[in-house]
Amino acid sequence: MLSRLLRLFSLAIFAVSLSSVSAHADKCSAAARQLVASEANATLLSVQMQTGNNGKTVCIIRMKIDSGDGNPPRVVERRVNS
């Protein structure tokens, strides 16, 4: 009986941790979409999520920006706190 209770408790903790990660991922995704939309000729390359030293979530957004004048595109990395 005790082992079942412990399993149930650990499963509940795991489920809660997944939901909070999902919420942070949604915030990073929204921040990336907004940032790419604000830049002309930008294409989203990747979005990563990290925890900063202060425990807050930091979104690392990489995007490619075409210059449009024949020069090679730039790859830009931006960090956004969420």
PDB file of N, CA and C in Angstrom:
ATOM      1  N   MET A   1       0.823  -1.189   0.000  1.00  0.00           N
ATOM      2  CA  MET A   1       0.000   0.000   0.000  1.00  0.00           C
ATOM      3  C   MET A   1       0.872   1.261   0.000  1.00  0.00           C
ATOM      4  N   LEU A   2       1.908   1.264   0.808  1.00  0.00           N
ATOM      5  CA  LEU A   2       2.793   2.421   0.882  1.00  0.00           C
ATOM      6  C   LEU A   2       3.532   2.629  -0.439  1.00  0.00           C
ATOM      7  N   SER A   3       3.957   1.541  -1.078  1.00  0.00           N
ATOM      8  CA  SER A   3       4.669   1.677  -2.350  1.00  0.00           C
ATOM      9  C   SER A   3       3.745   2.241  -3.435  1.00  0.00           C
ATOM     10  N   ARG A   4       2.467   1.871  -3.418  1.00  0.00           N
ATOM     11  CA  ARG A   4       1.512   2.429  -4.372  1.00  0.00           C
ATOM     12  C   ARG A   4       1.328   3.928  -4.143  1.00  0.00           C
ATOM     13  N   LEU A   5       1.246   4.311  -2.898  1.00  0.00           N
ATOM     14  CA  LEU A   5       1.101   5.722  -2.565  1.00  0.00           C
ATOM     15  C   LEU A   5       2.313   6.523  -3.025  1.00  0.00           C
ATOM     16  N   LEU A   6       3.505   5.961  -2.810  1.00  0.00           N
ATOM     17  CA  LEU A   6       4.726   6.641  -3.240  1.00  0.00           C
ATOM     18  C   LEU A   6       4.776   6.761  -4.757  1.00  0.00           C
ATOM     19  N   ARG A   7       4.381   5.712  -5.475  1.00  0.00           N
ATOM     20  CA  ARG A   7       4.348   5.764  -6.931  1.00  0.00           C
ATOM     21  C   ARG A   7       3.359   6.820  -7.411  1.00  0.00           C
ATOM     22  N   LEU A   8       2.204   6.850  -6.804  1.00  0.00           N
ATOM     23  CA  LEU A   8       1.190   7.826  -7.180  1.00  0.00           C
ATOM     24  C   LEU A   8       1.675   9.249  -6.912  1.00  0.00           C
ATOM     25  N   PHE A   9       2.331   9.442  -5.786  1.00  0.00           N
ATOM     26  CA  PHE A   9       2.862  10.752  -5.435  1.00  0.00           C
ATOM     27  C   PHE A   9       3.955  11.175  -6.413  1.00  0.00           C
ATOM     28  N   SER A  10       4.859  10.273  -6.751  1.00  0.00           N
ATOM     29  CA  SER A  10       5.933  10.611  -7.689  1.00  0.00           C
ATOM     30  C   SER A  10       5.377  10.873  -9.081  1.00  0.00           C
ATOM     31  N   LEU A  11       4.340  10.148  -9.477  1.00  0.00           N
ATOM     32  CA  LEU A  11       3.707  10.399 -10.770  1.00  0.00           C
ATOM     33  C   LEU A  11       3.052  11.778 -10.794  1.00  0.00           C
ATOM     34  N   ALA A  12       2.433  12.173  -9.699  1.00  0.00           N
ATOM     35  CA  ALA A  12       1.804  13.494  -9.617  1.00  0.00           C
ATOM     36  C   ALA A  12       2.851  14.600  -9.710  1.00  0.00           C
ATOM     37  N   ILE A  13       3.972  14.432  -9.039  1.00  0.00           N
ATOM     38  CA  ILE A  13       5.051  15.432  -9.095  1.00  0.00           C
ATOM     39  C   ILE A  13       5.609  15.525 -10.509  1.00  0.00           C
ATOM     40  N   PHE A  14       5.773  14.381 -11.149  1.00  0.00           N
ATOM     41  CA  PHE A  14       6.277  14.356 -12.521  1.00  0.00           C
ATOM     42  C   PHE A  14       5.312  15.081 -13.461  1.00  0.00           C
ATOM     43  N   ALA A  15       4.034  14.852 -13.311  1.00  0.00           N
ATOM     44  CA  ALA A  15       3.027  15.498 -14.164  1.00  0.00           C
ATOM     45  C   ALA A  15       3.031  17.015 -13.969  1.00  0.00           C
ATOM     46  N   VAL A  16       3.172  17.465 -12.740  1.00  0.00           N
ATOM     47  CA  VAL A  16       3.219  18.908 -12.468  1.00  0.00           C
ATOM     48  C   VAL A  16       4.461  19.528 -13.089  1.00  0.00           C
ATOM     49  N   SER A  17       5.594  18.853 -13.006  1.00  0.00           N
ATOM     50  CA  SER A  17       6.824  19.401 -13.591  1.00  0.00           C
ATOM     51  C   SER A  17       6.715  19.482 -15.102  1.00  0.00           C
ATOM     52  N   LEU A  18       6.054  18.522 -15.728  1.00  0.00           N
ATOM     53  CA  LEU A  18       5.866  18.573 -17.178  1.00  0.00           C
ATOM     54  C   LEU A  18       4.984  19.746 -17.589  1.00  0.00           C
ATOM     55  N   SER A  19       3.967  20.021 -16.824  1.00  0.00           N
ATOM     56  CA  SER A  19       3.069  21.115 -17.187  1.00  0.00           C
ATOM     57  C   SER A  19       3.769  22.462 -17.060  1.00  0.00           C
ATOM     58  N   SER A  20       4.658  22.624 -16.083  1.00  0.00           N
ATOM     59  CA  SER A  20       5.366  23.897 -15.956  1.00  0.00           C
ATOM     60  C   SER A  20       6.388  24.060 -17.072  1.00  0.00           C
ATOM     61  N   VAL A  21       7.025  22.973 -17.493  1.00  0.00           N
ATOM     62  CA  VAL A  21       7.964  23.045 -18.617  1.00  0.00           C
ATOM     63  C   VAL A  21       7.208  23.420 -19.878  1.00  0.00           C
ATOM     64  N   SER A  22       6.032  22.861 -20.056  1.00  0.00           N
ATOM     65  CA  SER A  22       5.219  23.161 -21.227  1.00  0.00           C
ATOM     66  C   SER A  22       4.830  24.634 -21.254  1.00  0.00           C
ATOM     67  N   ALA A  23       4.500  25.197 -20.110  1.00  0.00           N
ATOM     68  CA  ALA A  23       4.128  26.616 -20.054  1.00  0.00           C
ATOM     69  C   ALA A  23       5.310  27.494 -20.432  1.00  0.00           C
ATOM     70  N   HIS A  24       6.509  27.153 -19.968  1.00  0.00           N
ATOM     71  CA  HIS A  24       7.698  27.933 -20.324  1.00  0.00           C
ATOM     72  C   HIS A  24       8.008  27.777 -21.807  1.00  0.00           C
ATOM     73  N   ALA A  25       7.831  26.580 -22.336  1.00  0.00           N
ATOM     74  CA  ALA A  25       8.073  26.348 -23.765  1.00  0.00           C
ATOM     75  C   ALA A  25       7.107  27.165 -24.608  1.00  0.00           C
ATOM     76  N   ASP A  26       5.861  27.263 -24.177  1.00  0.00           N
ATOM     77  CA  ASP A  26       4.886  28.089 -24.891  1.00  0.00           C
ATOM     78  C   ASP A  26       5.296  29.550 -24.883  1.00  0.00           C
ATOM     79  N   LYS A  27       5.812  30.030 -23.758  1.00  0.00           N
ATOM     80  CA  LYS A  27       6.264  31.423 -23.674  1.00  0.00           C
ATOM     81  C   LYS A  27       7.453  31.664 -24.601  1.00  0.00           C
ATOM     82  N   CYS A  28       8.382  30.706 -24.645  1.00  0.00           N
ATOM     83  CA  CYS A  28       9.546  30.845 -25.525  1.00  0.00           C
ATOM     84  C   CYS A  28       9.114  30.821 -26.991  1.00  0.00           C
ATOM     85  N   SER A  29       8.190  29.964 -27.306  1.00  0.00           N
ATOM     86  CA  SER A  29       7.685  29.889 -28.678  1.00  0.00           C
ATOM     87  C   SER A  29       7.018  31.193 -29.093  1.00  0.00           C
ATOM     88  N   ALA A  30       6.207  31.742 -28.218  1.00  0.00           N
ATOM     89  CA  ALA A  30       5.530  33.008 -28.510  1.00  0.00           C
ATOM     90  C   ALA A  30       6.542  34.147 -28.651  1.00  0.00           C
ATOM     91  N   ALA A  31       7.553  34.164 -27.796  1.00  0.00           N
ATOM     92  CA  ALA A  31       8.583  35.202 -27.874  1.00  0.00           C
ATOM     93  C   ALA A  31       9.361  35.093 -29.179  1.00  0.00           C
ATOM     94  N   ALA A  32       9.640  33.882 -29.608  1.00  0.00           N
ATOM     95  CA  ALA A  32      10.370  33.674 -30.859  1.00  0.00           C
ATOM     96  C   ALA A  32       9.549  34.140 -32.051  1.00  0.00           C
ATOM     97  N   ARG A  33       8.267  33.795 -32.069  1.00  0.00           N
ATOM     98  CA  ARG A  33       7.400  34.231 -33.172  1.00  0.00           C
ATOM     99  C   ARG A  33       7.328  35.753 -33.235  1.00  0.00           C
ATOM    100  N   GLN A  34       7.216  36.390 -32.084  1.00  0.00           N
ATOM    101  CA  GLN A  34       7.117  37.846 -32.039  1.00  0.00           C
ATOM    102  C   GLN A  34       8.416  38.496 -32.512  1.00  0.00           C
ATOM    103  N   LEU A  35       9.548  37.951 -32.092  1.00  0.00           N
ATOM    104  CA  LEU A  35      10.844  38.514 -32.470  1.00  0.00           C
ATOM    105  C   LEU A  35      11.092  38.374 -33.968  1.00  0.00           C
ATOM    106  N   VAL A  36      10.784  37.208 -34.528  1.00  0.00           N
ATOM    107  CA  VAL A  36      10.993  36.985 -35.958  1.00  0.00           C
ATOM    108  C   VAL A  36      10.055  37.873 -36.773  1.00  0.00           C
ATOM    109  N   ALA A  37       8.838  38.059 -36.299  1.00  0.00           N
ATOM    110  CA  ALA A  37       7.885  38.914 -37.016  1.00  0.00           C
ATOM    111  C   ALA A  37       8.324  40.378 -37.006  1.00  0.00           C
ATOM    112  N   SER A  38       9.085  40.782 -36.007  1.00  0.00           N
ATOM    113  CA  SER A  38       9.514  42.177 -35.906  1.00  0.00           C
ATOM    114  C   SER A  38      10.724  42.495 -36.782  1.00  0.00           C
ATOM    115  N   GLU A  39      11.403  41.469 -37.275  1.00  0.00           N
ATOM    116  CA  GLU A  39      12.587  41.667 -38.121  1.00  0.00           C
ATOM    117  C   GLU A  39      12.213  41.417 -39.583  1.00  0.00           C
ATOM    118  N   ALA A  40      12.636  42.314 -40.470  1.00  0.00           N
ATOM    119  CA  ALA A  40      12.373  42.126 -41.903  1.00  0.00           C
ATOM    120  C   ALA A  40      13.252  41.000 -42.443  1.00  0.00           C
ATOM    121  N   ASN A  41      12.696  40.141 -43.265  1.00  0.00           N
ATOM    122  CA  ASN A  41      13.406  39.037 -43.928  1.00  0.00           C
ATOM    123  C   ASN A  41      14.026  38.047 -42.947  1.00  0.00           C
ATOM    124  N   ALA A  42      13.413  37.833 -41.799  1.00  0.00           N
ATOM    125  CA  ALA A  42      13.957  36.914 -40.789  1.00  0.00           C
ATOM    126  C   ALA A  42      13.295  35.542 -40.902  1.00  0.00           C
ATOM    127  N   THR A  43      14.094  34.520 -40.639  1.00  0.00           N
ATOM    128  CA  THR A  43      13.623  33.141 -40.611  1.00  0.00           C
ATOM    129  C   THR A  43      14.068  32.522 -39.299  1.00  0.00           C
ATOM    130  N   LEU A  44      13.159  31.899 -38.587  1.00  0.00           N
ATOM    131  CA  LEU A  44      13.484  31.263 -37.313  1.00  0.00           C
ATOM    132  C   LEU A  44      14.298  30.001 -37.561  1.00  0.00           C
ATOM    133  N   LEU A  45      15.429  29.871 -36.874  1.00  0.00           N
ATOM    134  CA  LEU A  45      16.262  28.675 -36.986  1.00  0.00           C
ATOM    135  C   LEU A  45      16.061  27.731 -35.808  1.00  0.00           C
ATOM    136  N   SER A  46      16.067  28.280 -34.588  1.00  0.00           N
ATOM    137  CA  SER A  46      15.899  27.413 -33.415  1.00  0.00           C
ATOM    138  C   SER A  46      15.491  28.222 -32.194  1.00  0.00           C
ATOM    139  N   VAL A  47      14.892  27.514 -31.245  1.00  0.00           N
ATOM    140  CA  VAL A  47      14.518  28.103 -29.962  1.00  0.00           C
ATOM    141  C   VAL A  47      14.952  27.122 -28.888  1.00  0.00           C
ATOM    142  N   GLN A  48      15.717  27.596 -27.917  1.00  0.00           N
ATOM    143  CA  GLN A  48      16.140  26.772 -26.794  1.00  0.00           C
ATOM    144  C   GLN A  48      15.691  27.437 -25.506  1.00  0.00           C
ATOM    145  N   MET A  49      15.522  26.620 -24.507  1.00  0.00           N
ATOM    146  CA  MET A  49      15.080  27.121 -23.216  1.00  0.00           C
ATOM    147  C   MET A  49      16.117  26.724 -22.170  1.00  0.00           C
ATOM    148  N   GLN A  50      16.576  27.684 -21.391  1.00  0.00           N
ATOM    149  CA  GLN A  50      17.536  27.425 -20.316  1.00  0.00           C
ATOM    150  C   GLN A  50      17.057  28.110 -19.049  1.00  0.00           C
ATOM    151  N   THR A  51      17.589  27.648 -17.927  1.00  0.00           N
ATOM    152  CA  THR A  51      17.315  28.298 -16.652  1.00  0.00           C
ATOM    153  C   THR A  51      18.527  29.135 -16.290  1.00  0.00           C
ATOM    154  N   GLY A  52      18.288  30.410 -16.049  1.00  0.00           N
ATOM    155  CA  GLY A  52      19.370  31.322 -15.712  1.00  0.00           C
ATOM    156  C   GLY A  52      19.844  31.129 -14.283  1.00  0.00           C
ATOM    157  N   ASN A  53      20.874  31.869 -13.894  1.00  0.00           N
ATOM    158  CA  ASN A  53      21.432  31.788 -12.544  1.00  0.00           C
ATOM    159  C   ASN A  53      20.423  32.188 -11.475  1.00  0.00           C
ATOM    160  N   ASN A  54      19.484  33.049 -11.852  1.00  0.00           N
ATOM    161  CA  ASN A  54      18.490  33.510 -10.897  1.00  0.00           C
ATOM    162  C   ASN A  54      17.262  32.599 -10.844  1.00  0.00           C
ATOM    163  N   GLY A  55      17.283  31.500 -11.602  1.00  0.00           N
ATOM    164  CA  GLY A  55      16.181  30.548 -11.602  1.00  0.00           C
ATOM    165  C   GLY A  55      15.089  30.868 -12.605  1.00  0.00           C
ATOM    166  N   LYS A  56      15.236  31.964 -13.334  1.00  0.00           N
ATOM    167  CA  LYS A  56      14.232  32.335 -14.329  1.00  0.00           C
ATOM    168  C   LYS A  56      14.557  31.681 -15.667  1.00  0.00           C
ATOM    169  N   THR A  57      13.532  31.529 -16.477  1.00  0.00           N
ATOM    170  CA  THR A  57      13.696  30.907 -17.782  1.00  0.00           C
ATOM    171  C   THR A  57      14.234  31.921 -18.785  1.00  0.00           C
ATOM    172  N   VAL A  58      15.224  31.489 -19.564  1.00  0.00           N
ATOM    173  CA  VAL A  58      15.813  32.303 -20.614  1.00  0.00           C
ATOM    174  C   VAL A  58      15.586  31.570 -21.935  1.00  0.00           C
ATOM    175  N   CYS A  59      15.010  32.266 -22.913  1.00  0.00           N
ATOM    176  CA  CYS A  59      14.786  31.696 -24.235  1.00  0.00           C
ATOM    177  C   CYS A  59      15.920  32.163 -25.144  1.00  0.00           C
ATOM    178  N   ILE A  60      16.569  31.222 -25.808  1.00  0.00           N
ATOM    179  CA  ILE A  60      17.649  31.540 -26.742  1.00  0.00           C
ATOM    180  C   ILE A  60      17.095  31.321 -28.144  1.00  0.00           C
ATOM    181  N   ILE A  61      16.979  32.408 -28.883  1.00  0.00           N
ATOM    182  CA  ILE A  61      16.339  32.384 -30.194  1.00  0.00           C
ATOM    183  C   ILE A  61      17.400  32.658 -31.258  1.00  0.00           C
ATOM    184  N   ARG A  62      17.523  31.739 -32.218  1.00  0.00           N
ATOM    185  CA  ARG A  62      18.444  31.928 -33.336  1.00  0.00           C
ATOM    186  C   ARG A  62      17.623  32.137 -34.595  1.00  0.00           C
ATOM    187  N   MET A  63      17.991  33.161 -35.346  1.00  0.00           N
ATOM    188  CA  MET A  63      17.285  33.434 -36.582  1.00  0.00           C
ATOM    189  C   MET A  63      18.256  33.878 -37.659  1.00  0.00           C
ATOM    190  N   LYS A  64      17.858  33.633 -38.896  1.00  0.00           N
ATOM    191  CA  LYS A  64      18.647  34.044 -40.056  1.00  0.00           C
ATOM    192  C   LYS A  64      17.965  35.267 -40.654  1.00  0.00           C
ATOM    193  N   ILE A  65      18.754  36.308 -40.921  1.00  0.00           N
ATOM    194  CA  ILE A  65      18.220  37.542 -41.495  1.00  0.00           C
ATOM    195  C   ILE A  65      18.885  37.767 -42.849  1.00  0.00           C
ATOM    196  N   ASP A  66      18.077  37.708 -43.904  1.00  0.00           N
ATOM    197  CA  ASP A  66      18.581  37.960 -45.255  1.00  0.00           C
ATOM    198  C   ASP A  66      18.728  39.462 -45.457  1.00  0.00           C
ATOM    199  N   SER A  67      19.850  39.869 -46.038  1.00  0.00           N
ATOM    200  CA  SER A  67      20.095  41.293 -46.244  1.00  0.00           C
ATOM    201  C   SER A  67      19.303  41.832 -47.430  1.00  0.00           C
ATOM    202  N   GLY A  68      19.045  40.999 -48.419  1.00  0.00           N
ATOM    203  CA  GLY A  68      18.274  41.432 -49.578  1.00  0.00           C
ATOM    204  C   GLY A  68      19.089  42.191 -50.611  1.00  0.00           C
ATOM    205  N   ASP A  69      20.369  42.445 -50.326  1.00  0.00           N
ATOM    206  CA  ASP A  69      21.187  43.195 -51.287  1.00  0.00           C
ATOM    207  C   ASP A  69      22.322  42.346 -51.868  1.00  0.00           C
ATOM    208  N   GLY A  70      22.199  41.051 -51.785  1.00  0.00           N
ATOM    209  CA  GLY A  70      23.214  40.165 -52.343  1.00  0.00           C
ATOM    210  C   GLY A  70      24.266  39.718 -51.343  1.00  0.00           C
ATOM    211  N   ASN A  71      24.334  40.342 -50.193  1.00  0.00           N
ATOM    212  CA  ASN A  71      25.274  39.914 -49.157  1.00  0.00           C
ATOM    213  C   ASN A  71      24.753  38.643 -48.497  1.00  0.00           C
ATOM    214  N   PRO A  72      25.646  37.839 -47.925  1.00  0.00           N
ATOM    215  CA  PRO A  72      25.191  36.621 -47.250  1.00  0.00           C
ATOM    216  C   PRO A  72      24.307  36.945 -46.047  1.00  0.00           C
ATOM    217  N   PRO A  73      23.409  36.042 -45.711  1.00  0.00           N
ATOM    218  CA  PRO A  73      22.532  36.286 -44.554  1.00  0.00           C
ATOM    219  C   PRO A  73      23.317  36.253 -43.250  1.00  0.00           C
ATOM    220  N   ARG A  74      22.777  36.944 -42.245  1.00  0.00           N
ATOM    221  CA  ARG A  74      23.378  36.942 -40.910  1.00  0.00           C
ATOM    222  C   ARG A  74      22.601  35.975 -40.035  1.00  0.00           C
ATOM    223  N   VAL A  75      23.309  35.300 -39.159  1.00  0.00           N
ATOM    224  CA  VAL A  75      22.662  34.477 -38.142  1.00  0.00           C
ATOM    225  C   VAL A  75      22.778  35.224 -36.823  1.00  0.00           C
ATOM    226  N   VAL A  76      21.629  35.511 -36.217  1.00  0.00           N
ATOM    227  CA  VAL A  76      21.561  36.322 -35.005  1.00  0.00           C
ATOM    228  C   VAL A  76      20.996  35.470 -33.875  1.00  0.00           C
ATOM    229  N   GLU A  77      21.601  35.604 -32.712  1.00  0.00           N
ATOM    230  CA  GLU A  77      21.099  34.900 -31.523  1.00  0.00           C
ATOM    231  C   GLU A  77      20.657  35.951 -30.511  1.00  0.00           C
ATOM    232  N   ARG A  78      19.428  35.824 -30.052  1.00  0.00           N
ATOM    233  CA  ARG A  78      18.892  36.741 -29.046  1.00  0.00           C
ATOM    234  C   ARG A  78      18.468  35.954 -27.817  1.00  0.00           C
ATOM    235  N   ARG A  79      18.683  36.538 -26.663  1.00  0.00           N
ATOM    236  CA  ARG A  79      18.252  35.950 -25.399  1.00  0.00           C
ATOM    237  C   ARG A  79      17.110  36.785 -24.840  1.00  0.00           C
ATOM    238  N   VAL A  80      16.026  36.087 -24.489  1.00  0.00           N
ATOM    239  CA  VAL A  80      14.838  36.762 -23.988  1.00  0.00           C
ATOM    240  C   VAL A  80      14.447  36.115 -22.669  1.00  0.00           C
ATOM    241  N   ASN A  81      14.253  36.920 -21.630  1.00  0.00           N
ATOM    242  CA  ASN A  81      13.778  36.405 -20.351  1.00  0.00           C
ATOM    243  C   ASN A  81      12.271  36.234 -20.423  1.00  0.00           C
ATOM    244  N   SER A  82      11.790  35.097 -19.924  1.00  0.00           N
ATOM    245  CA  SER A  82      10.328  34.906 -19.927  1.00  0.00           C
ATOM    246  C   SER A  82       9.834  34.578 -18.543  1.00  0.00           C
TER     247      SER A  82
END
